[in-house]
Amino acid sequence: MNNLTDHIGRSFKVLRVSLLDRCNFACTYCVCDDDRTIKKPKKTQLSVHELSTLIGRLHDTLHLQTVRLTGGEPLLYTSLTELIASIRHAGIKDIKMTTNGLLLAQKAESLEKAGLRSVNVSLDALTENTFLQITRRKGVKRVIAGITAAKDAGLDVKINAVLSRGENDNEILPLLDFAFQNNIKIRFLELMGMGHLFGEKDNKFFSMQAILDKISTVYQISEQPKKYGDTATYWTTRCGNTFGIIANESRPFCADCNRLRLDSNGNIYGCLSSDVPISLAEINSREGLEASLYAALAQKQMQFSGSEMSMLTIGG
């Protein structure tokens, strides 16, 4: 089924897999004040064999280009290297992961050997106090050590920084300088109205224009053409350094979205704006799988409208 597309040509070529719905951080944009504990995985979570088999079936049908492993926190997934090796064996070579990086230093080399090629590390602040305020955990030095270890292991590394007004918008320039000095691509993310922030993000929202205004006080920058399917728009400084902004609100990228999301229980979602799961766990026929994928494709919207579903469930 190479021609699974909707009325404007959108398809699924990138599969984001949320491996589990728990995390060792409790970031303010992901977890509300009343829910800071590290959750145990749900009993219905798929085994590594079930999950790898399902990913293989999706690949056979969609001819996926990329699989990105997310969470919760994917480094808490006990069979991570086994899963990565299974995905690679299924014929998918572009395997990526998004992580908070706390456990990355001790695992980067084994993950690269298993077949991981790229890692996005969440780093919302460089100062320990601000880092603690956002993540509600200590460990900025461990995250930075993880970034270094990932680079040393040969992984392609990017930094993601979610910006919240009054919390870490003063970290933009230090993070940018850190990325430039270490030759790492960085993307700044606008706050998304998901989970406990659904309908409540506005007082913390820091826009793409506000980000650019702050960066422009120090750097002369020029915008680069956006690639089809990319979430980020990139800018280059006069010295040749590059940074991106994922501006879900200011500059929606839904029109060329090519992502499908799979959670740890075997449910798929065609859009972050939809919190209606489509279960694949009991579907054994190709016809049934195709029907479910068309239903997921029908969930796609032209602009993100928010969702009550937490990032812990679907990984963003």
Protein backbone atom coordinates (compact mmCIF):
# COMPACT_ATOMS: atom_id res chain seq x y z
CA MET A 1 0.00 0.00 0.00
CA ASN A 2 2.43 2.65 -1.23
CA ASN A 3 -0.34 5.15 -2.02
CA LEU A 4 -1.93 5.64 1.42
CA THR A 5 -2.60 9.37 1.24
CA ASP A 6 -5.32 11.80 2.21
CA HIS A 7 -6.95 14.49 0.06
CA ILE A 8 -3.90 16.81 0.26
CA GLY A 9 -1.29 14.10 -0.19
CA ARG A 10 -0.27 13.48 3.41
CA SER A 11 0.96 9.98 4.23
CA PHE A 12 2.77 8.06 6.96
CA LYS A 13 6.53 7.65 6.52
CA VAL A 14 7.68 8.34 10.07
CA LEU A 15 6.54 6.16 12.97
CA ARG A 16 6.89 7.57 16.47
CA VAL A 17 6.74 4.82 19.10
CA SER A 18 5.98 5.69 22.72
CA LEU A 19 7.63 2.80 24.55
CA LEU A 20 6.18 3.46 27.99
CA ASP A 21 4.12 6.04 29.85
CA ARG A 22 6.49 6.90 32.68
CA CYS A 23 9.48 9.17 33.12
CA ASN A 24 12.24 9.92 35.62
CA PHE A 25 11.59 13.65 35.18
CA ALA A 26 8.41 15.58 35.93
CA CYS A 27 8.73 18.56 33.58
CA THR A 28 6.28 21.40 34.13
CA TYR A 29 5.04 21.31 30.52
CA CYS A 30 4.35 17.58 30.72
CA VAL A 31 3.30 16.75 34.29
CA CYS A 32 0.96 18.76 36.51
CA ASP A 33 1.77 19.61 40.13
CA ASP A 34 -0.46 16.83 41.45
CA ASP A 35 1.20 14.05 39.44
CA ARG A 36 4.96 14.08 39.99
CA THR A 37 5.58 10.43 40.84
CA ILE A 38 7.35 8.03 38.48
CA LYS A 39 4.57 5.80 37.20
CA LYS A 40 4.80 2.07 36.75
CA PRO A 41 4.03 0.86 33.22
CA LYS A 42 0.48 -0.23 32.53
CA LYS A 43 -0.15 -4.00 32.65
CA THR A 44 -1.39 -3.90 29.08
CA GLN A 45 1.97 -2.67 27.76
CA LEU A 46 3.12 -4.72 24.78
CA SER A 47 6.11 -7.03 25.16
CA VAL A 48 9.20 -6.28 23.09
CA HIS A 49 8.29 -9.17 20.76
CA GLU A 50 4.71 -7.92 20.31
CA LEU A 51 5.91 -4.35 19.75
CA SER A 52 8.63 -5.25 17.27
CA THR A 53 6.20 -7.52 15.39
CA LEU A 54 3.66 -4.70 15.16
CA ILE A 55 6.29 -2.24 13.95
CA GLY A 56 7.33 -4.79 11.33
CA ARG A 57 3.74 -5.15 10.11
CA LEU A 58 3.38 -1.39 9.83
CA HIS A 59 6.62 -1.20 7.90
CA ASP A 60 5.53 -3.97 5.50
CA THR A 61 2.39 -1.97 4.77
CA LEU A 62 3.68 1.61 4.82
CA HIS A 63 7.34 1.20 3.80
CA LEU A 64 8.43 3.45 6.64
CA GLN A 65 11.50 5.62 6.30
CA THR A 66 12.08 6.40 9.97
CA VAL A 67 11.18 5.05 13.40
CA ARG A 68 11.59 7.41 16.37
CA LEU A 69 11.47 5.93 19.88
CA THR A 70 9.95 8.16 22.53
CA GLY A 71 8.17 7.82 25.90
CA GLY A 72 7.70 8.78 28.62
CA GLU A 73 11.42 8.25 28.87
CA PRO A 74 12.60 5.55 26.44
CA LEU A 75 15.85 4.87 28.33
CA LEU A 76 13.70 3.35 31.11
CA TYR A 77 12.52 0.68 28.67
CA THR A 78 14.34 -2.46 29.76
CA SER A 79 14.54 -4.13 26.32
CA LEU A 80 15.59 -1.05 24.37
CA THR A 81 18.67 -2.47 22.63
CA GLU A 82 16.75 -5.64 21.72
CA LEU A 83 13.93 -3.59 20.23
CA ILE A 84 16.31 -1.40 18.23
CA ALA A 85 18.04 -4.48 16.82
CA SER A 86 14.65 -5.95 15.87
CA ILE A 87 13.59 -2.77 14.08
CA ARG A 88 16.85 -2.72 12.18
CA HIS A 89 16.41 -6.39 11.27
CA ALA A 90 12.97 -5.53 9.86
CA GLY A 91 14.72 -3.33 7.29
CA ILE A 92 14.34 0.12 8.88
CA LYS A 93 17.77 1.75 9.04
CA ASP A 94 16.84 5.27 10.18
CA ILE A 95 16.19 4.64 13.88
CA LYS A 96 16.07 7.67 16.15
CA MET A 97 15.25 8.39 19.78
CA THR A 98 14.07 11.35 21.85
CA THR A 99 15.24 11.27 25.47
CA ASN A 100 15.79 13.47 28.51
CA GLY A 101 19.39 12.19 28.50
CA LEU A 102 19.72 11.42 32.20
CA LEU A 103 20.73 7.78 31.56
CA LEU A 104 22.30 8.33 28.16
CA ALA A 105 25.98 8.39 29.13
CA GLN A 106 26.05 4.75 30.21
CA LYS A 107 23.85 3.50 27.34
CA ALA A 108 24.88 5.49 24.26
CA GLU A 109 27.53 3.06 22.99
CA SER A 110 25.34 -0.04 23.26
CA LEU A 111 22.43 1.74 21.60
CA GLU A 112 24.60 2.77 18.66
CA LYS A 113 25.86 -0.79 18.26
CA ALA A 114 22.26 -2.06 18.27
CA GLY A 115 21.40 0.23 15.36
CA LEU A 116 20.38 3.62 16.78
CA ARG A 117 21.54 6.41 14.51
CA SER A 118 20.27 9.66 16.01
CA VAL A 119 19.20 11.05 19.36
CA ASN A 120 17.33 14.21 20.33
CA VAL A 121 18.12 15.24 23.90
CA SER A 122 15.77 17.48 25.86
CA LEU A 123 17.79 20.21 27.56
CA ASP A 124 15.66 23.12 28.70
CA ALA A 125 18.26 24.90 30.84
CA LEU A 126 21.98 24.90 31.60
CA THR A 127 21.78 26.37 35.11
CA GLU A 128 20.98 23.80 37.79
CA ASN A 129 18.34 25.95 39.51
CA THR A 130 16.35 26.55 36.33
CA PHE A 131 16.81 22.94 35.27
CA LEU A 132 15.44 21.80 38.63
CA GLN A 133 12.53 24.23 38.40
CA ILE A 134 11.46 22.83 35.03
CA THR A 135 12.25 19.12 35.37
CA ARG A 136 11.69 18.92 39.17
CA ARG A 137 14.81 16.76 39.24
CA LYS A 138 18.52 17.44 39.54
CA GLY A 139 20.90 16.27 36.88
CA VAL A 140 21.86 18.87 34.27
CA LYS A 141 25.50 17.72 34.41
CA ARG A 142 24.43 14.12 33.77
CA VAL A 143 22.40 15.21 30.75
CA ILE A 144 25.37 17.12 29.34
CA ALA A 145 27.57 14.06 29.95
CA GLY A 146 25.00 12.01 28.03
CA ILE A 147 25.18 14.41 25.10
CA THR A 148 28.98 14.09 25.05
CA ALA A 149 28.81 10.29 25.28
CA ALA A 150 26.30 10.12 22.43
CA LYS A 151 28.56 12.21 20.20
CA ASP A 152 31.58 10.08 21.13
CA ALA A 153 29.60 6.93 20.26
CA GLY A 154 28.99 8.27 16.76
CA LEU A 155 25.34 9.20 17.15
CA ASP A 156 23.89 12.26 15.46
CA VAL A 157 22.84 14.53 18.34
CA LYS A 158 20.32 17.34 18.49
CA ILE A 159 19.14 19.38 21.47
CA ASN A 160 15.47 20.18 22.05
CA ALA A 161 14.55 23.04 24.38
CA VAL A 162 10.90 23.69 25.26
CA LEU A 163 10.44 27.33 26.22
CA SER A 164 8.11 28.62 28.93
CA ARG A 165 7.78 32.34 29.54
CA GLY A 166 9.17 33.34 32.92
CA GLU A 167 10.74 29.93 33.49
CA ASN A 168 13.55 29.44 30.99
CA ASP A 169 13.29 32.08 28.24
CA ASN A 170 16.46 33.61 29.74
CA GLU A 171 18.27 30.37 28.84
CA ILE A 172 17.89 30.84 25.07
CA LEU A 173 21.24 32.51 24.43
CA PRO A 174 23.27 30.29 26.82
CA LEU A 175 21.76 27.17 25.23
CA LEU A 176 22.43 28.54 21.75
CA ASP A 177 26.07 29.28 22.63
CA PHE A 178 26.47 25.82 24.19
CA ALA A 179 25.15 24.18 21.03
CA PHE A 180 27.32 26.31 18.74
CA GLN A 181 30.47 25.68 20.81
CA ASN A 182 29.87 21.93 20.70
CA ASN A 183 28.79 21.81 17.04
CA ILE A 184 25.33 20.46 17.92
CA LYS A 185 22.11 21.41 16.19
CA ILE A 186 19.55 22.91 18.58
CA ARG A 187 15.81 23.45 18.16
CA PHE A 188 13.64 25.64 20.39
CA LEU A 189 10.07 24.47 20.82
CA GLU A 190 6.97 26.53 21.39
CA LEU A 191 4.84 25.28 24.27
CA MET A 192 2.06 22.91 23.19
CA GLY A 193 -1.42 22.79 24.70
CA MET A 194 -1.45 19.13 25.71
CA GLY A 195 -2.41 17.31 28.90
CA HIS A 196 -2.76 19.68 31.84
CA LEU A 197 -1.83 22.61 29.55
CA PHE A 198 -4.79 22.01 27.24
CA GLY A 199 -6.46 25.43 27.08
CA GLU A 200 -4.09 26.76 29.76
CA LYS A 201 -0.76 27.42 28.05
CA ASP A 202 -1.17 31.07 27.05
CA ASN A 203 0.36 32.68 30.14
CA LYS A 204 3.53 30.60 29.63
CA PHE A 205 3.64 30.75 25.83
CA PHE A 206 6.87 32.13 24.30
CA SER A 207 6.44 32.63 20.56
CA MET A 208 8.74 32.04 17.63
CA GLN A 209 8.99 35.79 17.06
CA ALA A 210 9.98 36.35 20.68
CA ILE A 211 12.69 33.71 20.30
CA LEU A 212 14.00 35.33 17.13
CA ASP A 213 13.93 38.78 18.70
CA LYS A 214 16.11 37.57 21.57
CA ILE A 215 18.58 35.76 19.32
CA SER A 216 18.78 38.74 16.96
CA THR A 217 20.15 40.92 19.76
CA VAL A 218 23.39 38.94 19.47
CA TYR A 219 23.40 37.17 16.10
CA GLN A 220 22.67 38.23 12.54
CA ILE A 221 20.45 35.46 11.19
CA SER A 222 18.81 34.40 7.93
CA GLU A 223 15.94 31.95 7.46
CA GLN A 224 16.46 28.75 5.48
CA PRO A 225 13.87 27.05 3.24
CA LYS A 226 11.85 24.48 5.17
CA LYS A 227 12.15 20.87 4.01
CA TYR A 228 9.01 18.87 3.31
CA GLY A 229 7.91 16.94 6.39
CA ASP A 230 10.19 18.81 8.81
CA THR A 231 8.71 20.08 12.04
CA ALA A 232 11.35 22.79 12.43
CA THR A 233 12.20 25.89 10.44
CA TYR A 234 15.92 26.65 10.52
CA TRP A 235 17.99 29.82 10.63
CA THR A 236 21.70 30.30 10.00
CA THR A 237 23.93 32.88 11.64
CA ARG A 238 26.42 34.95 9.69
CA CYS A 239 29.16 32.65 11.03
CA GLY A 240 27.40 29.59 9.64
CA ASN A 241 25.87 28.15 12.79
CA THR A 242 22.35 26.74 12.56
CA PHE A 243 19.39 26.57 14.93
CA GLY A 244 15.76 25.61 14.48
CA ILE A 245 12.38 26.53 15.92
CA ILE A 246 9.48 24.12 16.13
CA ALA A 247 6.66 26.65 16.11
CA ASN A 248 3.53 24.57 16.35
CA GLU A 249 1.39 27.61 17.10
CA SER A 250 3.13 30.43 15.21
CA ARG A 251 3.95 28.46 12.08
CA PRO A 252 1.92 25.22 11.92
CA PHE A 253 3.51 22.35 10.03
CA CYS A 254 0.45 20.09 9.83
CA ALA A 255 0.03 20.49 6.07
CA ASP A 256 2.96 18.19 5.28
CA CYS A 257 2.91 16.03 8.42
CA ASN A 258 3.98 12.47 7.63
CA ARG A 259 3.99 11.04 11.17
CA LEU A 260 2.05 8.17 12.70
CA ARG A 261 2.13 7.56 16.46
CA LEU A 262 2.06 4.19 18.20
CA ASP A 263 1.69 3.94 21.98
CA SER A 264 2.92 1.22 24.33
CA ASN A 265 -0.46 -0.55 24.30
CA GLY A 266 -0.70 -1.00 20.53
CA ASN A 267 -2.87 2.01 19.76
CA ILE A 268 -2.17 4.35 16.86
CA TYR A 269 -2.92 8.04 16.49
CA GLY A 270 -2.77 9.97 13.25
CA CYS A 271 -2.60 13.38 14.90
CA LEU A 272 -1.62 14.87 18.25
CA SER A 273 -4.89 16.81 18.18
CA SER A 274 -6.81 13.54 18.44
CA ASP A 275 -6.97 11.66 21.73
CA VAL A 276 -9.04 8.85 20.19
CA PRO A 277 -6.92 5.67 20.10
CA ILE A 278 -7.18 3.21 17.24
CA SER A 279 -6.25 -0.23 18.55
CA LEU A 280 -4.12 -2.57 16.45
CA ALA A 281 -3.59 -5.17 19.18
CA GLU A 282 -6.35 -7.53 17.96
CA ILE A 283 -6.06 -6.87 14.23
CA ASN A 284 -4.47 -9.76 12.36
CA SER A 285 -5.47 -9.19 8.73
CA ARG A 286 -3.86 -6.83 6.24
CA GLU A 287 -7.29 -5.50 5.35
CA GLY A 288 -8.01 -4.66 8.97
CA LEU A 289 -4.63 -2.97 9.34
CA GLU A 290 -5.20 -0.88 6.23
CA ALA A 291 -8.65 0.16 7.46
CA SER A 292 -7.15 1.27 10.79
CA LEU A 293 -4.42 3.24 9.02
CA TYR A 294 -6.99 5.05 6.89
CA ALA A 295 -8.90 5.87 10.08
CA ALA A 296 -5.70 7.28 11.57
CA LEU A 297 -5.05 9.29 8.42
CA ALA A 298 -8.56 10.77 8.75
CA GLN A 299 -7.57 12.15 12.18
CA LYS A 300 -5.06 14.54 10.62
CA GLN A 301 -5.91 18.22 10.85
CA MET A 302 -4.62 21.34 9.15
CA GLN A 303 -3.63 22.96 12.46
CA PHE A 304 -2.94 21.58 15.91
CA SER A 305 -5.85 22.32 18.21
CA GLY A 306 -4.57 20.78 21.44
CA SER A 307 -5.43 17.61 23.28
CA GLU A 308 -6.13 16.45 26.82
CA MET A 309 -3.75 13.55 26.21
CA SER A 310 -0.45 13.90 28.08
CA MET A 311 2.96 13.82 26.42
CA LEU A 312 3.72 10.92 28.78
CA THR A 313 1.21 8.86 26.82
CA ILE A 314 2.25 9.66 23.27
CA GLY A 315 5.67 11.30 23.37
CA GLY A 316 4.89 14.45 21.40
